[in-house]
Amino acid sequence: MEIARVADNVSTPTIGAMRLQFWRDNISKTFAGSPPAHPVSVLLANALDDLDGRTGGKARMSKSWFLRVISAREQYLNNAPYTSLNALEKYAESTYSTLLYLTLSALPMASITVDHLASHIGKAVGITAVLRGLPLIAFPPPPNHHSNSSGLGGTLDSQRRHQGAVTLPLDVMAEAGVREEDVLRLGADAPGLRDAVFAVATRASDHLITARQMLKNVRAGNDVGHGFEHEGEEGHEYAPSQSGMGGPNSAQNEEIERGFGVLMPAVSTSLWLDRLQHVDFDIFREELRRREWKLPWKAYFAYRRKMF
């Protein structure tokens, strides 16, 4: 949360970059055993010590994953548009999916099957988060004049932030014929906007559908159906028995049972995408910003059945 809120709490990307560097330094010092006197750093240090104690030093959290999240957030501090839908997907993998990996590693759990599910779910959550934030970024609230950094504005990047921006992928906007100036002038009536939102939402939905099919395959006694694209990368090294499609089916089921709570963001994401479809992909509809009353029940049954 501290890192995710940086872009909203600063007046210029330069100041935002300074704050993110502060967090890089904090993470590095904490992993080195000398956490700064900051509540988040102290809690992280306690979590690292607890994990080390529970596993006898056999499990660890990845420092590089923390730094990956920071770097990905830094890249879009000025609300620059994503160059392509694939670039948006990569951003979601580097932020939301990576946070799920970190949570799983804290259990601890090193499972190619659950990591694979977390990758798809994190991408769906991240892509959906960008859609949900589009109205707020396109029409931001007035700047906070009480901020201790407000007087340092005036750059093109800060003007862009205060005047609004459209963060849909550029390739999707080009294909749908969407122009940023039309969105900022016409809002929901901008030509092609619903088509562009539909294309982005479809990519998020595809990842949820893939994750559901993976769960069904495992429940049916089969492998997940396709390989994990990040296998072999740092933090994604697995025992030989888990390589490929995930190892013995009984072990995969046990791992999913144990790690399912970490995958629960799929429930709220699926509900929001259903609501978006119900309003015909009008991203500016007020009901999309209301709380989902079904969420507690849906979450309860999803966790009980281990299916979303």
Protein backbone atom coordinates (compact mmCIF):
# COMPACT_ATOMS: atom_id res chain seq x y z
CA MET A 1 0.00 0.00 0.00
CA GLU A 2 2.81 2.43 0.81
CA ILE A 3 4.32 1.99 -2.65
CA ALA A 4 0.99 1.95 -4.50
CA ARG A 5 -0.03 5.28 -2.92
CA VAL A 6 3.14 7.14 -3.88
CA ALA A 7 1.79 8.31 -7.25
CA ASP A 8 -1.34 9.73 -5.58
CA ASN A 9 0.50 11.50 -2.77
CA VAL A 10 3.13 13.49 -4.68
CA SER A 11 2.89 16.47 -7.01
CA THR A 12 5.66 15.47 -9.42
CA PRO A 13 7.14 12.17 -10.63
CA THR A 14 10.56 13.39 -9.47
CA ILE A 15 9.41 13.49 -5.87
CA GLY A 16 7.69 10.16 -6.38
CA ALA A 17 10.95 8.65 -7.62
CA MET A 18 12.70 9.95 -4.51
CA ARG A 19 10.12 8.25 -2.29
CA LEU A 20 10.44 5.00 -4.18
CA GLN A 21 14.22 5.16 -3.79
CA PHE A 22 13.60 5.58 -0.06
CA TRP A 23 11.71 2.29 -0.14
CA ARG A 24 14.43 0.58 -2.17
CA ASP A 25 16.95 1.57 0.48
CA ASN A 26 14.59 0.43 3.25
CA ILE A 27 14.10 -2.97 1.64
CA SER A 28 17.83 -3.44 1.10
CA LYS A 29 18.67 -2.50 4.70
CA THR A 30 15.92 -4.73 6.07
CA PHE A 31 17.10 -7.75 4.11
CA ALA A 32 20.65 -6.97 5.28
CA GLY A 33 19.47 -7.28 8.89
CA SER A 34 19.45 -3.56 9.74
CA PRO A 35 15.85 -2.38 9.30
CA PRO A 36 15.30 1.38 9.58
CA ALA A 37 13.05 2.66 12.35
CA HIS A 38 9.96 2.66 10.14
CA PRO A 39 6.85 0.61 11.01
CA VAL A 40 6.75 -1.18 7.65
CA SER A 41 10.46 -2.01 7.80
CA VAL A 42 10.17 -3.31 11.36
CA LEU A 43 7.20 -5.49 10.46
CA LEU A 44 8.99 -6.84 7.38
CA ALA A 45 12.06 -7.64 9.47
CA ASN A 46 9.86 -9.52 11.95
CA ALA A 47 8.23 -11.44 9.11
CA LEU A 48 11.64 -12.42 7.70
CA ASP A 49 12.85 -13.55 11.13
CA ASP A 50 9.65 -15.48 11.75
CA LEU A 51 9.90 -17.24 8.39
CA ASP A 52 13.51 -18.13 9.06
CA GLY A 53 12.62 -19.50 12.49
CA ARG A 54 9.64 -21.54 11.28
CA THR A 55 11.57 -23.18 8.46
CA GLY A 56 15.03 -23.42 9.97
CA GLY A 57 16.40 -21.13 7.28
CA LYS A 58 15.13 -23.32 4.43
CA ALA A 59 12.60 -20.79 3.08
CA ARG A 60 13.04 -17.14 2.26
CA MET A 61 11.28 -14.20 0.69
CA SER A 62 12.80 -12.73 -2.44
CA LYS A 63 14.30 -9.25 -2.16
CA SER A 64 14.27 -8.98 -5.95
CA TRP A 65 10.49 -9.36 -5.98
CA PHE A 66 10.10 -6.35 -3.69
CA LEU A 67 12.41 -4.32 -5.92
CA ARG A 68 10.53 -5.48 -9.02
CA VAL A 69 7.28 -4.05 -7.64
CA ILE A 70 8.97 -0.72 -6.90
CA SER A 71 10.55 -0.49 -10.36
CA ALA A 72 7.27 -1.30 -12.11
CA ARG A 73 5.43 1.37 -10.11
CA GLU A 74 8.16 3.89 -10.84
CA GLN A 75 7.85 3.35 -14.59
CA TYR A 76 4.29 4.70 -14.58
CA LEU A 77 4.51 7.41 -11.92
CA ASN A 78 3.46 10.08 -14.43
CA ASN A 79 0.40 8.07 -15.56
CA ALA A 80 1.99 7.46 -18.94
CA PRO A 81 -0.14 5.21 -21.17
CA TYR A 82 0.88 1.60 -21.66
CA THR A 83 2.41 1.14 -25.08
CA SER A 84 0.49 -2.08 -25.67
CA LEU A 85 -1.84 -4.56 -24.01
CA ASN A 86 1.17 -6.83 -23.54
CA ALA A 87 2.96 -3.99 -21.71
CA LEU A 88 -0.03 -3.63 -19.38
CA GLU A 89 0.02 -7.37 -18.78
CA LYS A 90 3.73 -7.22 -17.97
CA TYR A 91 3.06 -4.41 -15.49
CA ALA A 92 0.36 -6.49 -13.80
CA GLU A 93 2.76 -9.45 -13.56
CA SER A 94 5.47 -7.25 -12.04
CA THR A 95 3.13 -5.79 -9.43
CA TYR A 96 0.00 -7.74 -8.53
CA SER A 97 1.26 -11.21 -9.47
CA THR A 98 4.54 -10.55 -7.70
CA LEU A 99 2.73 -9.51 -4.51
CA LEU A 100 0.91 -12.85 -4.60
CA TYR A 101 4.25 -14.65 -5.02
CA LEU A 102 5.59 -12.81 -1.97
CA THR A 103 2.54 -13.76 0.08
CA LEU A 104 2.89 -17.41 -0.92
CA SER A 105 6.58 -17.41 -0.04
CA ALA A 106 5.72 -16.13 3.43
CA LEU A 107 3.52 -19.18 4.17
CA PRO A 108 6.00 -20.65 3.05
CA MET A 109 5.01 -22.33 -0.20
CA ALA A 110 7.15 -23.09 -3.24
CA SER A 111 4.70 -24.63 -5.68
CA ILE A 112 4.86 -24.26 -9.43
CA THR A 113 1.13 -24.98 -9.64
CA VAL A 114 0.05 -22.32 -7.16
CA ASP A 115 2.59 -19.81 -8.50
CA HIS A 116 1.21 -20.47 -11.98
CA LEU A 117 -2.33 -19.78 -10.76
CA ALA A 118 -1.11 -16.67 -8.94
CA SER A 119 0.48 -15.39 -12.15
CA HIS A 120 -2.79 -15.54 -14.08
CA ILE A 121 -4.87 -14.17 -11.21
CA GLY A 122 -2.42 -11.35 -10.53
CA LYS A 123 -2.50 -10.34 -14.19
CA ALA A 124 -6.30 -10.31 -14.13
CA VAL A 125 -6.34 -8.24 -10.93
CA GLY A 126 -3.73 -5.80 -12.22
CA ILE A 127 -5.40 -5.23 -15.58
CA THR A 128 -8.74 -4.77 -13.85
CA ALA A 129 -7.21 -2.30 -11.38
CA VAL A 130 -6.08 -0.12 -14.30
CA LEU A 131 -9.60 -0.16 -15.72
CA ARG A 132 -11.13 0.68 -12.34
CA GLY A 133 -8.76 3.60 -11.92
CA LEU A 134 -9.30 5.03 -15.39
CA PRO A 135 -12.13 7.48 -14.43
CA LEU A 136 -10.16 8.79 -11.46
CA ILE A 137 -6.99 9.31 -13.49
CA ALA A 138 -8.84 10.84 -16.45
CA PHE A 139 -10.69 13.27 -14.13
CA PRO A 140 -8.50 13.61 -11.04
CA PRO A 141 -9.60 15.55 -7.96
CA PRO A 142 -8.06 18.99 -7.39
CA PRO A 143 -4.41 18.86 -6.24
CA ASN A 144 -3.73 18.94 -2.52
CA HIS A 145 -2.42 22.46 -1.95
CA HIS A 146 -1.48 21.56 1.62
CA SER A 147 1.10 19.04 0.41
CA ASN A 148 4.65 19.93 1.39
CA SER A 149 5.68 19.25 -2.21
CA SER A 150 2.93 21.12 -4.06
CA GLY A 151 5.11 24.13 -4.70
CA LEU A 152 7.57 22.08 -6.69
CA GLY A 153 5.15 21.35 -9.53
CA GLY A 154 5.08 22.89 -12.97
CA THR A 155 6.73 20.20 -15.07
CA LEU A 156 4.96 18.68 -18.05
CA ASP A 157 4.58 15.44 -16.11
CA SER A 158 2.90 17.18 -13.17
CA GLN A 159 0.60 19.09 -15.51
CA ARG A 160 -0.35 15.81 -17.14
CA ARG A 161 -1.19 14.32 -13.75
CA HIS A 162 -3.42 17.25 -12.71
CA GLN A 163 -5.13 17.66 -16.10
CA GLY A 164 -5.96 13.98 -16.42
CA ALA A 165 -4.70 11.14 -18.56
CA VAL A 166 -6.04 8.03 -20.25
CA THR A 167 -4.04 4.94 -19.31
CA LEU A 168 -5.52 2.48 -21.77
CA PRO A 169 -2.94 0.65 -23.93
CA LEU A 170 -2.07 2.66 -27.02
CA ASP A 171 -2.45 -0.26 -29.42
CA VAL A 172 -5.97 -0.92 -28.13
CA MET A 173 -6.87 2.77 -28.40
CA ALA A 174 -5.56 2.93 -31.96
CA GLU A 175 -7.49 -0.16 -33.02
CA ALA A 176 -10.72 1.13 -31.44
CA GLY A 177 -10.21 4.68 -32.75
CA VAL A 178 -10.05 6.24 -29.28
CA ARG A 179 -8.33 9.61 -28.83
CA GLU A 180 -7.26 10.83 -25.41
CA GLU A 181 -8.59 14.33 -26.01
CA ASP A 182 -12.02 12.88 -26.84
CA VAL A 183 -12.11 10.94 -23.58
CA LEU A 184 -11.07 14.00 -21.55
CA ARG A 185 -13.68 16.13 -23.34
CA LEU A 186 -16.58 13.70 -23.76
CA GLY A 187 -16.04 11.12 -21.05
CA ALA A 188 -18.18 8.01 -21.56
CA ASP A 189 -19.41 9.33 -24.92
CA ALA A 190 -15.93 9.28 -26.49
CA PRO A 191 -16.05 7.32 -29.78
CA GLY A 192 -14.63 3.80 -29.48
CA LEU A 193 -14.10 3.97 -25.71
CA ARG A 194 -16.40 1.07 -24.88
CA ASP A 195 -14.73 -1.09 -27.52
CA ALA A 196 -11.31 -0.32 -26.04
CA VAL A 197 -12.51 -1.09 -22.50
CA PHE A 198 -14.04 -4.33 -23.78
CA ALA A 199 -10.72 -5.40 -25.32
CA VAL A 200 -8.78 -4.75 -22.11
CA ALA A 201 -11.44 -6.37 -19.90
CA THR A 202 -11.42 -9.42 -22.17
CA ARG A 203 -7.70 -9.93 -21.52
CA ALA A 204 -8.31 -9.82 -17.75
CA SER A 205 -11.24 -12.20 -18.08
CA ASP A 206 -9.14 -14.58 -20.19
CA HIS A 207 -6.65 -14.92 -17.35
CA LEU A 208 -9.43 -15.76 -14.89
CA ILE A 209 -10.89 -18.31 -17.32
CA THR A 210 -7.44 -19.88 -17.70
CA ALA A 211 -7.00 -20.09 -13.92
CA ARG A 212 -10.43 -21.70 -13.52
CA GLN A 213 -9.63 -24.26 -16.20
CA MET A 214 -6.34 -25.06 -14.49
CA LEU A 215 -8.20 -25.75 -11.25
CA LYS A 216 -10.71 -27.98 -13.05
CA ASN A 217 -7.89 -29.91 -14.73
CA VAL A 218 -6.20 -30.58 -11.42
CA ARG A 219 -9.47 -31.57 -9.75
CA ALA A 220 -10.10 -34.03 -12.60
CA GLY A 221 -6.72 -35.68 -12.05
CA ASN A 222 -5.00 -34.10 -15.05
CA ASP A 223 -2.09 -31.68 -15.31
CA VAL A 224 -2.80 -27.95 -15.47
CA GLY A 225 -2.76 -27.93 -19.26
CA HIS A 226 0.17 -25.67 -20.11
CA GLY A 227 3.61 -24.76 -18.80
CA PHE A 228 4.47 -21.88 -16.46
CA GLU A 229 6.22 -19.20 -18.52
CA HIS A 230 8.27 -17.92 -15.56
CA GLU A 231 9.62 -21.30 -14.44
CA GLY A 232 13.38 -21.08 -13.95
CA GLU A 233 13.43 -17.34 -13.28
CA GLU A 234 14.74 -16.03 -9.96
CA GLY A 235 12.33 -17.07 -7.22
CA HIS A 236 10.66 -19.62 -9.48
CA GLU A 237 13.11 -22.49 -9.09
CA TYR A 238 11.33 -25.71 -8.17
CA ALA A 239 12.23 -29.26 -7.22
CA PRO A 240 12.65 -31.64 -10.19
CA SER A 241 9.46 -33.46 -9.19
CA GLN A 242 7.50 -30.21 -9.76
CA SER A 243 9.00 -29.16 -13.08
CA GLY A 244 6.94 -29.09 -16.23
CA MET A 245 3.20 -29.22 -15.54
CA GLY A 246 3.40 -29.33 -11.76
CA GLY A 247 4.25 -32.80 -10.51
CA PRO A 248 1.97 -35.48 -8.99
CA ASN A 249 -1.71 -34.58 -9.05
CA SER A 250 -2.31 -35.35 -5.37
CA ALA A 251 0.48 -32.97 -4.40
CA GLN A 252 -0.97 -30.24 -6.62
CA ASN A 253 -4.37 -30.57 -4.95
CA GLU A 254 -2.81 -30.32 -1.50
CA GLU A 255 -0.83 -27.24 -2.50
CA ILE A 256 -3.92 -25.55 -3.93
CA GLU A 257 -5.86 -26.30 -0.74
CA ARG A 258 -3.12 -24.75 1.37
CA GLY A 259 -2.49 -21.69 -0.77
CA PHE A 260 -6.04 -20.96 -1.95
CA GLY A 261 -6.52 -18.02 0.42
CA VAL A 262 -3.79 -16.11 -1.42
CA LEU A 263 -5.71 -16.56 -4.68
CA MET A 264 -8.94 -15.05 -3.35
CA PRO A 265 -8.54 -11.66 -5.16
CA ALA A 266 -9.88 -13.57 -8.15
CA VAL A 267 -13.34 -13.45 -6.56
CA SER A 268 -13.70 -9.66 -6.31
CA THR A 269 -12.08 -9.20 -9.71
CA SER A 270 -14.53 -11.59 -11.35
CA LEU A 271 -17.49 -9.83 -9.74
CA TRP A 272 -16.32 -6.42 -10.94
CA LEU A 273 -15.78 -7.64 -14.49
CA ASP A 274 -19.31 -9.08 -14.45
CA ARG A 275 -20.66 -5.68 -13.39
CA LEU A 276 -18.66 -3.98 -16.14
CA GLN A 277 -20.23 -6.30 -18.70
CA HIS A 278 -23.67 -5.62 -17.22
CA VAL A 279 -23.29 -1.87 -17.89
CA ASP A 280 -22.09 -2.56 -21.44
CA PHE A 281 -18.48 -1.60 -20.66
CA ASP A 282 -19.32 1.99 -19.77
CA ILE A 283 -16.30 2.54 -17.52
CA PHE A 284 -17.72 5.80 -16.12
CA ARG A 285 -20.91 4.29 -14.67
CA GLU A 286 -21.39 5.20 -11.02
CA GLU A 287 -22.38 1.67 -9.95
CA LEU A 288 -18.92 0.40 -10.84
CA ARG A 289 -17.55 2.42 -7.91
CA ARG A 290 -20.05 1.08 -5.38
CA ARG A 291 -19.27 -1.71 -2.96
CA GLU A 292 -20.27 -5.19 -4.11
CA TRP A 293 -22.78 -6.54 -1.58
CA LYS A 294 -22.35 -10.09 -2.95
CA LEU A 295 -18.63 -10.19 -2.20
CA PRO A 296 -18.75 -11.65 1.35
CA TRP A 297 -21.02 -14.50 0.25
CA LYS A 298 -19.14 -15.16 -2.96
CA ALA A 299 -15.84 -15.15 -1.07
CA TYR A 300 -17.18 -17.55 1.56
CA PHE A 301 -18.42 -20.10 -0.98
CA ALA A 302 -15.31 -19.72 -3.16
CA TYR A 303 -13.01 -20.47 -0.24
CA ARG A 304 -15.18 -23.32 1.01
CA ARG A 305 -15.31 -24.96 -2.43
CA LYS A 306 -11.78 -23.93 -3.39
CA MET A 307 -13.09 -22.66 -6.69
CA PHE A 308 -13.74 -19.13 -7.97
